[in-house]
Amino acid sequence: CNGADGKALSVYATNDVQKVTEFMEKMKLNALEVVSVEEIAPPEQEGTVVLTTVEKLFLQYLDIFGKPTREFLKNLFPYAQDIQEKVTIAELTLDRKMAEFQDRQMRAFTFADYFTEFKSLKIPASKYVELVPTIKQRVYSICSSSDFRPGKCQLLVVREDWQAKGGDTKFGLCSSFLTFARPSTHFVGHSTHSVMKLPEDKTAHIFMAGLGTGLAPLPA
């Protein structure tokens, strides 16, 4: 993990435990139910099956608090048992309802918000992997040098926040995860080559922008 070489760290964050617990309770999901995640986590060996609990599915795999698209709504409406809710969800995919959908986007509606809004939804636990995308890795420039701090990898991270329409303050998933991480916190990550290539000539002028490719390499 040598930031002096322009390397970065790919971090896979997990969702907030309390928010996931509240979501499962609202959806009446059994946290200990076992489901297959072969579609999103292919088995390493042929003839094996990758299983996990519903709780871990929402904690570690699915971006349940991410921002959905209209394609998600097209896949969601068949699960509504109430005909009026089915129509409401389906109409949000139409061009004449674009303004309403965009308003929901500006209010930062999440997958979880849609699931809990429509009370008649009946979704088997195994079907959520078909409706919700996985949590994507976030890449952060490394701001330390393994030559100077062997065995350590330091990042420069500012918690992302923004104000949604209506006044609610929203926070980025991974930057929040790293902000509240403690020495005992474990997460999946790996080093990766940055798109930034430092010149061999140490006297060459370099233009650097932002926190990552801007400030991070300087301490490294």
C-alpha atoms as a PDB file:
ATOM      1  CA  CYS A   1       0.000   0.000   0.000  1.00  0.00           C
ATOM      2  CA  ASN A   2       2.385   2.675  -1.185  1.00  0.00           C
ATOM      3  CA  GLY A   3       0.652   5.963  -1.937  1.00  0.00           C
ATOM      4  CA  ALA A   4       3.935   7.354  -3.195  1.00  0.00           C
ATOM      5  CA  ASP A   5       3.489   5.087  -6.226  1.00  0.00           C
ATOM      6  CA  GLY A   6       0.058   6.565  -6.890  1.00  0.00           C
ATOM      7  CA  LYS A   7      -1.776   3.489  -5.589  1.00  0.00           C
ATOM      8  CA  ALA A   8      -5.310   3.573  -4.213  1.00  0.00           C
ATOM      9  CA  LEU A   9      -7.368   1.403  -1.866  1.00  0.00           C
ATOM     10  CA  SER A  10     -10.665  -0.130  -2.979  1.00  0.00           C
ATOM     11  CA  VAL A  11     -13.026  -0.282  -0.002  1.00  0.00           C
ATOM     12  CA  TYR A  12     -16.225  -2.321   0.256  1.00  0.00           C
ATOM     13  CA  ALA A  13     -18.432  -0.655   2.874  1.00  0.00           C
ATOM     14  CA  THR A  14     -21.317  -2.287   4.734  1.00  0.00           C
ATOM     15  CA  ASN A  15     -24.729  -0.819   5.495  1.00  0.00           C
ATOM     16  CA  ASP A  16     -25.661   0.586   8.891  1.00  0.00           C
ATOM     17  CA  VAL A  17     -26.757  -2.212  11.250  1.00  0.00           C
ATOM     18  CA  GLN A  18     -29.580  -0.254  12.882  1.00  0.00           C
ATOM     19  CA  LYS A  19     -31.047   0.881   9.558  1.00  0.00           C
ATOM     20  CA  VAL A  20     -30.905  -2.664   8.181  1.00  0.00           C
ATOM     21  CA  THR A  21     -32.609  -4.043  11.317  1.00  0.00           C
ATOM     22  CA  GLU A  22     -35.392  -1.456  11.053  1.00  0.00           C
ATOM     23  CA  PHE A  23     -35.869  -2.251   7.358  1.00  0.00           C
ATOM     24  CA  MET A  24     -36.135  -5.999   7.974  1.00  0.00           C
ATOM     25  CA  GLU A  25     -38.683  -5.426  10.743  1.00  0.00           C
ATOM     26  CA  LYS A  26     -40.839  -3.223   8.511  1.00  0.00           C
ATOM     27  CA  MET A  27     -40.699  -5.789   5.702  1.00  0.00           C
ATOM     28  CA  LYS A  28     -41.322  -8.648   8.183  1.00  0.00           C
ATOM     29  CA  LEU A  29     -38.190 -10.458   7.040  1.00  0.00           C
ATOM     30  CA  ASN A  30     -36.559 -13.239   9.036  1.00  0.00           C
ATOM     31  CA  ALA A  31     -32.973 -12.113   9.634  1.00  0.00           C
ATOM     32  CA  LEU A  32     -31.780 -15.708  10.061  1.00  0.00           C
ATOM     33  CA  GLU A  33     -33.388 -17.094   6.901  1.00  0.00           C
ATOM     34  CA  VAL A  34     -30.749 -18.571   4.582  1.00  0.00           C
ATOM     35  CA  VAL A  35     -30.672 -17.474   0.926  1.00  0.00           C
ATOM     36  CA  SER A  36     -28.429 -18.132  -2.052  1.00  0.00           C
ATOM     37  CA  VAL A  37     -26.223 -15.341  -3.390  1.00  0.00           C
ATOM     38  CA  GLU A  38     -24.775 -17.226  -6.346  1.00  0.00           C
ATOM     39  CA  GLU A  39     -25.923 -14.528  -8.777  1.00  0.00           C
ATOM     40  CA  ILE A  40     -23.915 -11.801  -7.055  1.00  0.00           C
ATOM     41  CA  ALA A  41     -21.132 -13.881  -5.445  1.00  0.00           C
ATOM     42  CA  PRO A  42     -20.286 -16.805  -7.752  1.00  0.00           C
ATOM     43  CA  PRO A  43     -18.834 -19.851  -5.955  1.00  0.00           C
ATOM     44  CA  GLU A  44     -15.071 -20.332  -6.176  1.00  0.00           C
ATOM     45  CA  GLN A  45     -15.402 -24.082  -6.778  1.00  0.00           C
ATOM     46  CA  GLU A  46     -17.665 -25.836  -9.226  1.00  0.00           C
ATOM     47  CA  GLY A  47     -20.501 -27.762  -7.630  1.00  0.00           C
ATOM     48  CA  THR A  48     -20.684 -25.542  -4.542  1.00  0.00           C
ATOM     49  CA  VAL A  49     -23.334 -23.052  -3.447  1.00  0.00           C
ATOM     50  CA  VAL A  50     -22.813 -19.660  -1.790  1.00  0.00           C
ATOM     51  CA  LEU A  51     -25.296 -19.090   1.031  1.00  0.00           C
ATOM     52  CA  THR A  52     -25.833 -16.279   3.490  1.00  0.00           C
ATOM     53  CA  THR A  53     -28.473 -15.037   5.918  1.00  0.00           C
ATOM     54  CA  VAL A  54     -31.004 -12.346   5.043  1.00  0.00           C
ATOM     55  CA  GLU A  55     -29.350 -10.070   7.605  1.00  0.00           C
ATOM     56  CA  LYS A  56     -25.933 -10.389   5.971  1.00  0.00           C
ATOM     57  CA  LEU A  57     -27.516 -10.029   2.536  1.00  0.00           C
ATOM     58  CA  PHE A  58     -28.654  -6.516   3.409  1.00  0.00           C
ATOM     59  CA  LEU A  59     -25.623  -5.641   5.522  1.00  0.00           C
ATOM     60  CA  GLN A  60     -22.848  -6.750   3.186  1.00  0.00           C
ATOM     61  CA  TYR A  61     -24.210  -7.288  -0.315  1.00  0.00           C
ATOM     62  CA  LEU A  62     -27.166  -5.154  -1.402  1.00  0.00           C
ATOM     63  CA  ASP A  63     -27.137  -1.359  -1.780  1.00  0.00           C
ATOM     64  CA  ILE A  64     -30.551  -1.103  -0.150  1.00  0.00           C
ATOM     65  CA  PHE A  65     -30.053   2.564   0.765  1.00  0.00           C
ATOM     66  CA  GLY A  66     -28.852   3.539  -2.691  1.00  0.00           C
ATOM     67  CA  LYS A  67     -30.757   5.533  -5.311  1.00  0.00           C
ATOM     68  CA  PRO A  68     -33.055   3.469  -7.570  1.00  0.00           C
ATOM     69  CA  THR A  69     -33.838   3.940 -11.256  1.00  0.00           C
ATOM     70  CA  ARG A  70     -37.134   3.651 -13.106  1.00  0.00           C
ATOM     71  CA  GLU A  71     -35.996   0.218 -14.287  1.00  0.00           C
ATOM     72  CA  PHE A  72     -36.190  -0.880 -10.650  1.00  0.00           C
ATOM     73  CA  LEU A  73     -39.824   0.222 -10.493  1.00  0.00           C
ATOM     74  CA  LYS A  74     -40.626  -1.772 -13.629  1.00  0.00           C
ATOM     75  CA  ASN A  75     -39.343  -4.868 -11.846  1.00  0.00           C
ATOM     76  CA  LEU A  76     -41.032  -3.950  -8.561  1.00  0.00           C
ATOM     77  CA  PHE A  77     -44.695  -3.387  -9.445  1.00  0.00           C
ATOM     78  CA  PRO A  78     -45.564  -7.080 -10.103  1.00  0.00           C
ATOM     79  CA  TYR A  79     -44.905  -7.792  -6.397  1.00  0.00           C
ATOM     80  CA  ALA A  80     -47.642  -5.382  -5.256  1.00  0.00           C
ATOM     81  CA  GLN A  81     -50.773  -7.234  -4.166  1.00  0.00           C
ATOM     82  CA  ASP A  82     -52.991  -4.154  -4.022  1.00  0.00           C
ATOM     83  CA  ILE A  83     -54.117  -3.129  -7.516  1.00  0.00           C
ATOM     84  CA  GLN A  84     -53.966   0.601  -6.733  1.00  0.00           C
ATOM     85  CA  GLU A  85     -50.390   0.321  -5.459  1.00  0.00           C
ATOM     86  CA  LYS A  86     -49.484  -1.768  -8.494  1.00  0.00           C
ATOM     87  CA  VAL A  87     -50.807   1.000 -10.771  1.00  0.00           C
ATOM     88  CA  THR A  88     -49.064   3.745  -8.765  1.00  0.00           C
ATOM     89  CA  ILE A  89     -45.679   2.029  -9.022  1.00  0.00           C
ATOM     90  CA  ALA A  90     -46.138   1.236 -12.721  1.00  0.00           C
ATOM     91  CA  GLU A  91     -47.149   4.822 -13.527  1.00  0.00           C
ATOM     92  CA  LEU A  92     -43.910   6.142 -12.018  1.00  0.00           C
ATOM     93  CA  THR A  93     -42.108   4.453 -14.932  1.00  0.00           C
ATOM     94  CA  LEU A  94     -44.078   6.454 -17.517  1.00  0.00           C
ATOM     95  CA  ASP A  95     -42.847   9.663 -19.147  1.00  0.00           C
ATOM     96  CA  ARG A  96     -45.931  11.591 -18.005  1.00  0.00           C
ATOM     97  CA  LYS A  97     -44.902  10.848 -14.415  1.00  0.00           C
ATOM     98  CA  MET A  98     -41.279  11.853 -14.940  1.00  0.00           C
ATOM     99  CA  ALA A  99     -41.650  15.027 -12.850  1.00  0.00           C
ATOM    100  CA  GLU A 100     -42.946  13.051  -9.866  1.00  0.00           C
ATOM    101  CA  PHE A 101     -40.171  10.487 -10.177  1.00  0.00           C
ATOM    102  CA  GLN A 102     -37.520  13.219 -10.421  1.00  0.00           C
ATOM    103  CA  ASP A 103     -38.995  14.890  -7.335  1.00  0.00           C
ATOM    104  CA  ARG A 104     -38.517  11.615  -5.473  1.00  0.00           C
ATOM    105  CA  GLN A 105     -34.939  11.475  -6.741  1.00  0.00           C
ATOM    106  CA  MET A 106     -34.258  14.982  -5.439  1.00  0.00           C
ATOM    107  CA  ARG A 107     -35.709  13.924  -2.089  1.00  0.00           C
ATOM    108  CA  ALA A 108     -33.154  11.082  -2.122  1.00  0.00           C
ATOM    109  CA  PHE A 109     -35.652   8.210  -2.088  1.00  0.00           C
ATOM    110  CA  THR A 110     -33.855   4.898  -1.632  1.00  0.00           C
ATOM    111  CA  PHE A 111     -34.690   1.307  -2.513  1.00  0.00           C
ATOM    112  CA  ALA A 112     -35.670   0.829   1.130  1.00  0.00           C
ATOM    113  CA  ASP A 113     -38.029   3.820   0.965  1.00  0.00           C
ATOM    114  CA  TYR A 114     -39.917   2.332  -1.976  1.00  0.00           C
ATOM    115  CA  PHE A 115     -40.103  -1.111  -0.386  1.00  0.00           C
ATOM    116  CA  THR A 116     -41.550   0.258   2.852  1.00  0.00           C
ATOM    117  CA  GLU A 117     -43.862   2.816   1.200  1.00  0.00           C
ATOM    118  CA  PHE A 118     -46.006   0.260  -0.610  1.00  0.00           C
ATOM    119  CA  LYS A 119     -47.444  -1.932   2.134  1.00  0.00           C
ATOM    120  CA  SER A 120     -48.909  -4.630  -0.117  1.00  0.00           C
ATOM    121  CA  LEU A 121     -45.534  -5.712  -1.541  1.00  0.00           C
ATOM    122  CA  LYS A 122     -44.892  -9.411  -1.056  1.00  0.00           C
ATOM    123  CA  ILE A 123     -41.285 -10.135  -1.997  1.00  0.00           C
ATOM    124  CA  PRO A 124     -39.603 -13.471  -1.204  1.00  0.00           C
ATOM    125  CA  ALA A 125     -36.235 -12.934   0.500  1.00  0.00           C
ATOM    126  CA  SER A 126     -34.470 -14.688  -2.383  1.00  0.00           C
ATOM    127  CA  LYS A 127     -35.831 -12.149  -4.910  1.00  0.00           C
ATOM    128  CA  TYR A 128     -34.196  -9.047  -3.470  1.00  0.00           C
ATOM    129  CA  VAL A 129     -30.942  -9.886  -5.279  1.00  0.00           C
ATOM    130  CA  GLU A 130     -32.833  -9.467  -8.549  1.00  0.00           C
ATOM    131  CA  LEU A 131     -34.233  -6.068  -7.567  1.00  0.00           C
ATOM    132  CA  VAL A 132     -31.374  -4.296  -5.779  1.00  0.00           C
ATOM    133  CA  PRO A 133     -27.803  -3.828  -7.087  1.00  0.00           C
ATOM    134  CA  THR A 134     -24.797  -4.780  -5.008  1.00  0.00           C
ATOM    135  CA  ILE A 135     -22.747  -2.319  -2.978  1.00  0.00           C
ATOM    136  CA  LYS A 136     -20.014  -1.031  -5.258  1.00  0.00           C
ATOM    137  CA  GLN A 137     -16.432  -0.502  -4.182  1.00  0.00           C
ATOM    138  CA  ARG A 138     -15.209   3.028  -3.501  1.00  0.00           C
ATOM    139  CA  VAL A 139     -11.629   3.885  -4.414  1.00  0.00           C
ATOM    140  CA  TYR A 140      -9.516   6.188  -2.232  1.00  0.00           C
ATOM    141  CA  SER A 141      -6.019   7.444  -2.935  1.00  0.00           C
ATOM    142  CA  ILE A 142      -3.521   6.227  -0.337  1.00  0.00           C
ATOM    143  CA  CYS A 143      -1.824   9.073   1.549  1.00  0.00           C
ATOM    144  CA  SER A 144       0.939   7.058   3.244  1.00  0.00           C
ATOM    145  CA  SER A 145       4.105   5.347   2.110  1.00  0.00           C
ATOM    146  CA  SER A 146       4.934   1.769   3.096  1.00  0.00           C
ATOM    147  CA  ASP A 147       8.585   2.837   3.005  1.00  0.00           C
ATOM    148  CA  PHE A 148       7.924   5.233   5.885  1.00  0.00           C
ATOM    149  CA  ARG A 149       5.092   3.363   7.677  1.00  0.00           C
ATOM    150  CA  PRO A 150       5.526  -0.387   7.014  1.00  0.00           C
ATOM    151  CA  GLY A 151       2.371  -2.412   7.536  1.00  0.00           C
ATOM    152  CA  LYS A 152       0.103   0.640   7.629  1.00  0.00           C
ATOM    153  CA  CYS A 153      -2.225   2.131   5.023  1.00  0.00           C
ATOM    154  CA  GLN A 154      -3.578   5.617   5.587  1.00  0.00           C
ATOM    155  CA  LEU A 155      -6.390   7.349   3.705  1.00  0.00           C
ATOM    156  CA  LEU A 156      -7.553  10.940   3.456  1.00  0.00           C
ATOM    157  CA  VAL A 157     -11.360  10.826   3.638  1.00  0.00           C
ATOM    158  CA  VAL A 158     -13.957  13.549   4.173  1.00  0.00           C
ATOM    159  CA  ARG A 159     -17.494  12.401   4.965  1.00  0.00           C
ATOM    160  CA  GLU A 160     -19.698  13.165   1.969  1.00  0.00           C
ATOM    161  CA  ASP A 161     -22.915  14.972   2.765  1.00  0.00           C
ATOM    162  CA  TRP A 162     -25.565  16.828   0.850  1.00  0.00           C
ATOM    163  CA  GLN A 163     -28.987  18.356   1.427  1.00  0.00           C
ATOM    164  CA  ALA A 164     -31.890  16.651  -0.289  1.00  0.00           C
ATOM    165  CA  LYS A 165     -35.033  18.478  -1.354  1.00  0.00           C
ATOM    166  CA  GLY A 166     -37.098  18.974   1.769  1.00  0.00           C
ATOM    167  CA  GLY A 167     -34.111  19.770   3.932  1.00  0.00           C
ATOM    168  CA  ASP A 168     -32.940  16.331   5.024  1.00  0.00           C
ATOM    169  CA  THR A 169     -29.172  15.903   5.203  1.00  0.00           C
ATOM    170  CA  LYS A 170     -27.909  12.750   3.494  1.00  0.00           C
ATOM    171  CA  PHE A 171     -24.525  11.083   3.874  1.00  0.00           C
ATOM    172  CA  GLY A 172     -22.341   8.959   1.609  1.00  0.00           C
ATOM    173  CA  LEU A 173     -22.252   5.243   2.401  1.00  0.00           C
ATOM    174  CA  CYS A 174     -18.536   4.516   2.315  1.00  0.00           C
ATOM    175  CA  SER A 175     -17.262   7.837   3.641  1.00  0.00           C
ATOM    176  CA  SER A 176     -19.642   7.452   6.608  1.00  0.00           C
ATOM    177  CA  PHE A 177     -18.515   3.859   7.102  1.00  0.00           C
ATOM    178  CA  LEU A 178     -14.860   4.933   7.250  1.00  0.00           C
ATOM    179  CA  THR A 179     -15.633   7.958   9.415  1.00  0.00           C
ATOM    180  CA  PHE A 180     -17.112   5.796  12.170  1.00  0.00           C
ATOM    181  CA  ALA A 181     -14.757   2.831  11.755  1.00  0.00           C
ATOM    182  CA  ARG A 182     -12.846   1.934  14.907  1.00  0.00           C
ATOM    183  CA  PRO A 183      -9.618  -0.077  15.416  1.00  0.00           C
ATOM    184  CA  SER A 184     -11.660  -3.289  15.779  1.00  0.00           C
ATOM    185  CA  THR A 185     -13.645  -2.692  12.573  1.00  0.00           C
ATOM    186  CA  HIS A 186     -13.082  -5.198   9.756  1.00  0.00           C
ATOM    187  CA  PHE A 187     -13.880  -4.629   6.098  1.00  0.00           C
ATOM    188  CA  VAL A 188     -12.958  -5.981   2.693  1.00  0.00           C
ATOM    189  CA  GLY A 189     -10.514  -3.960   0.616  1.00  0.00           C
ATOM    190  CA  HIS A 190      -7.601  -4.291  -1.762  1.00  0.00           C
ATOM    191  CA  SER A 191      -4.954  -2.034  -3.246  1.00  0.00           C
ATOM    192  CA  THR A 192      -5.320  -0.983  -6.834  1.00  0.00           C
ATOM    193  CA  HIS A 193      -3.392   1.103  -9.302  1.00  0.00           C
ATOM    194  CA  SER A 194      -4.605   4.654  -9.554  1.00  0.00           C
ATOM    195  CA  VAL A 195      -5.380   6.339 -12.861  1.00  0.00           C
ATOM    196  CA  MET A 196      -2.869   8.966 -11.777  1.00  0.00           C
ATOM    197  CA  LYS A 197       0.664   8.282 -13.013  1.00  0.00           C
ATOM    198  CA  LEU A 198       3.429  10.179 -11.270  1.00  0.00           C
ATOM    199  CA  PRO A 199       6.273  11.257 -13.569  1.00  0.00           C
ATOM    200  CA  GLU A 200       9.723   9.762 -13.139  1.00  0.00           C
ATOM    201  CA  ASP A 201      11.196  13.250 -13.237  1.00  0.00           C
ATOM    202  CA  LYS A 202      10.886  14.516  -9.656  1.00  0.00           C
ATOM    203  CA  THR A 203      11.284  18.115 -10.839  1.00  0.00           C
ATOM    204  CA  ALA A 204       8.314  17.950 -13.233  1.00  0.00           C
ATOM    205  CA  HIS A 205       5.351  20.199 -12.511  1.00  0.00           C
ATOM    206  CA  ILE A 206       2.181  18.336 -11.453  1.00  0.00           C
ATOM    207  CA  PHE A 207      -1.376  19.686 -11.385  1.00  0.00           C
ATOM    208  CA  MET A 208      -3.350  18.027  -8.539  1.00  0.00           C
ATOM    209  CA  ALA A 209      -7.067  18.491  -7.783  1.00  0.00           C
ATOM    210  CA  GLY A 210      -9.411  17.383  -5.035  1.00  0.00           C
ATOM    211  CA  LEU A 211      -8.762  15.442  -1.842  1.00  0.00           C
ATOM    212  CA  GLY A 212      -7.805  12.133  -3.424  1.00  0.00           C
ATOM    213  CA  THR A 213      -5.458  12.709  -6.348  1.00  0.00           C
ATOM    214  CA  GLY A 214      -4.860  16.231  -5.052  1.00  0.00           C
ATOM    215  CA  LEU A 215      -3.838  16.065  -1.388  1.00  0.00           C
ATOM    216  CA  ALA A 216      -3.388  12.365  -0.697  1.00  0.00           C
ATOM    217  CA  PRO A 217      -0.130  11.857  -2.658  1.00  0.00           C
ATOM    218  CA  LEU A 218       1.530  14.836  -0.974  1.00  0.00           C
ATOM    219  CA  PRO A 219       1.784  13.232   2.484  1.00  0.00           C
ATOM    220  CA  ALA A 220       2.819   9.950   0.796  1.00  0.00           C
END
